[in-house]
Amino acid sequence: MFSAGPADDGLKGIARGSEFSGTTRVASASAEFWIAKAEVDALTALPAKGDTIRLTSRAGSPTYAVSSVQHTDMGDLNLILVWEDLPS
């Protein structure tokens, strides 16, 4: 299951009196690919950092690189993705 959406993170810092006029936030996009335990068990090799995933059913067939593989307590895999700007 693929999901993508906006992400919003706050930067932590120290405010001293009036030197800090507001908060700083970083807006980005988050993309993940979730694989259920049944599908993980059927794989002949596990995904690894640096592998790519191409979404062939989407316009332009976007390609994502795996930046992190997270194993869940239930045996599922959650792949944290980054968008790859690859030449066609």
Protein backbone atom coordinates (compact mmCIF):
# COMPACT_ATOMS: atom_id res chain seq x y z
CA MET A 1 0.00 0.00 0.00
CA PHE A 2 1.46 3.34 -1.08
CA SER A 3 0.65 6.59 0.69
CA ALA A 4 1.93 10.12 0.19
CA GLY A 5 0.96 13.36 1.82
CA PRO A 6 2.15 16.56 3.40
CA ALA A 7 4.48 16.51 6.38
CA ASP A 8 5.11 19.39 8.79
CA ASP A 9 7.91 19.44 11.36
CA GLY A 10 8.84 22.09 13.87
CA LEU A 11 12.47 23.05 14.48
CA LYS A 12 13.44 23.15 18.10
CA GLY A 13 15.53 25.99 19.44
CA ILE A 14 16.01 28.35 22.32
CA ALA A 15 14.13 31.63 22.58
CA ARG A 16 15.63 34.51 24.53
CA GLY A 17 13.30 37.39 25.19
CA SER A 18 12.34 39.13 21.98
CA GLU A 19 15.12 37.48 19.93
CA PHE A 20 12.72 34.76 18.86
CA SER A 21 9.83 36.27 16.93
CA GLY A 22 8.02 33.07 15.99
CA THR A 23 8.34 29.39 15.37
CA THR A 24 10.10 27.79 12.42
CA ARG A 25 8.39 24.95 10.59
CA VAL A 26 9.57 22.84 7.70
CA ALA A 27 6.92 21.72 5.21
CA SER A 28 7.65 18.69 3.06
CA ALA A 29 6.00 15.61 1.61
CA SER A 30 6.08 12.14 3.08
CA ALA A 31 5.84 8.93 1.03
CA GLU A 32 5.67 5.39 2.40
CA PHE A 33 5.06 1.91 1.04
CA TRP A 34 3.61 -0.67 3.45
CA ILE A 35 3.93 -4.42 2.87
CA ALA A 36 1.79 -6.82 4.92
CA LYS A 37 3.41 -9.81 6.69
CA ALA A 38 1.87 -12.32 4.26
CA GLU A 39 3.54 -10.56 1.31
CA VAL A 40 6.80 -10.10 3.25
CA ASP A 41 6.89 -13.86 3.93
CA ALA A 42 6.45 -14.56 0.19
CA LEU A 43 9.38 -12.35 -0.87
CA THR A 44 12.58 -14.06 -2.00
CA ALA A 45 14.63 -11.01 -0.91
CA LEU A 46 13.78 -8.19 1.47
CA PRO A 47 13.79 -4.58 0.26
CA ALA A 48 16.87 -2.60 1.27
CA LYS A 49 17.92 1.02 1.49
CA GLY A 50 18.65 2.28 -2.02
CA ASP A 51 16.18 -0.03 -3.81
CA THR A 52 13.71 1.74 -6.09
CA ILE A 53 9.95 1.44 -6.49
CA ARG A 54 8.24 2.57 -9.70
CA LEU A 55 4.50 3.26 -9.63
CA THR A 56 3.63 2.12 -13.15
CA SER A 57 -0.11 2.74 -12.77
CA ARG A 58 0.37 6.45 -12.00
CA ALA A 59 0.84 9.21 -14.56
CA GLY A 60 4.50 9.56 -15.43
CA SER A 61 5.38 6.34 -13.56
CA PRO A 62 7.08 8.15 -10.64
CA THR A 63 10.08 6.41 -9.11
CA TYR A 64 10.88 6.42 -5.39
CA ALA A 65 14.02 5.24 -3.62
CA VAL A 66 13.87 3.40 -0.31
CA SER A 67 15.58 5.56 2.31
CA SER A 68 14.68 3.40 5.32
CA VAL A 69 13.21 -0.06 5.95
CA GLN A 70 11.20 -0.31 9.17
CA HIS A 71 10.16 -3.71 10.53
CA THR A 72 6.97 -3.75 12.63
CA ASP A 73 6.19 -5.95 15.63
CA MET A 74 3.67 -7.83 13.51
CA GLY A 75 6.14 -8.73 10.73
CA ASP A 76 5.01 -6.03 8.29
CA LEU A 77 7.47 -3.74 6.51
CA ASN A 78 7.15 0.01 6.19
CA LEU A 79 9.39 1.50 3.51
CA ILE A 80 10.17 5.21 3.89
CA LEU A 81 10.57 6.64 0.40
CA VAL A 82 12.18 9.63 -1.29
CA TRP A 83 11.26 10.82 -4.74
CA GLU A 84 13.88 10.06 -7.37
CA ASP A 85 14.39 12.57 -10.17
CA LEU A 86 15.71 10.05 -12.69
CA PRO A 87 16.14 10.68 -16.40
CA SER A 88 13.51 8.91 -18.53
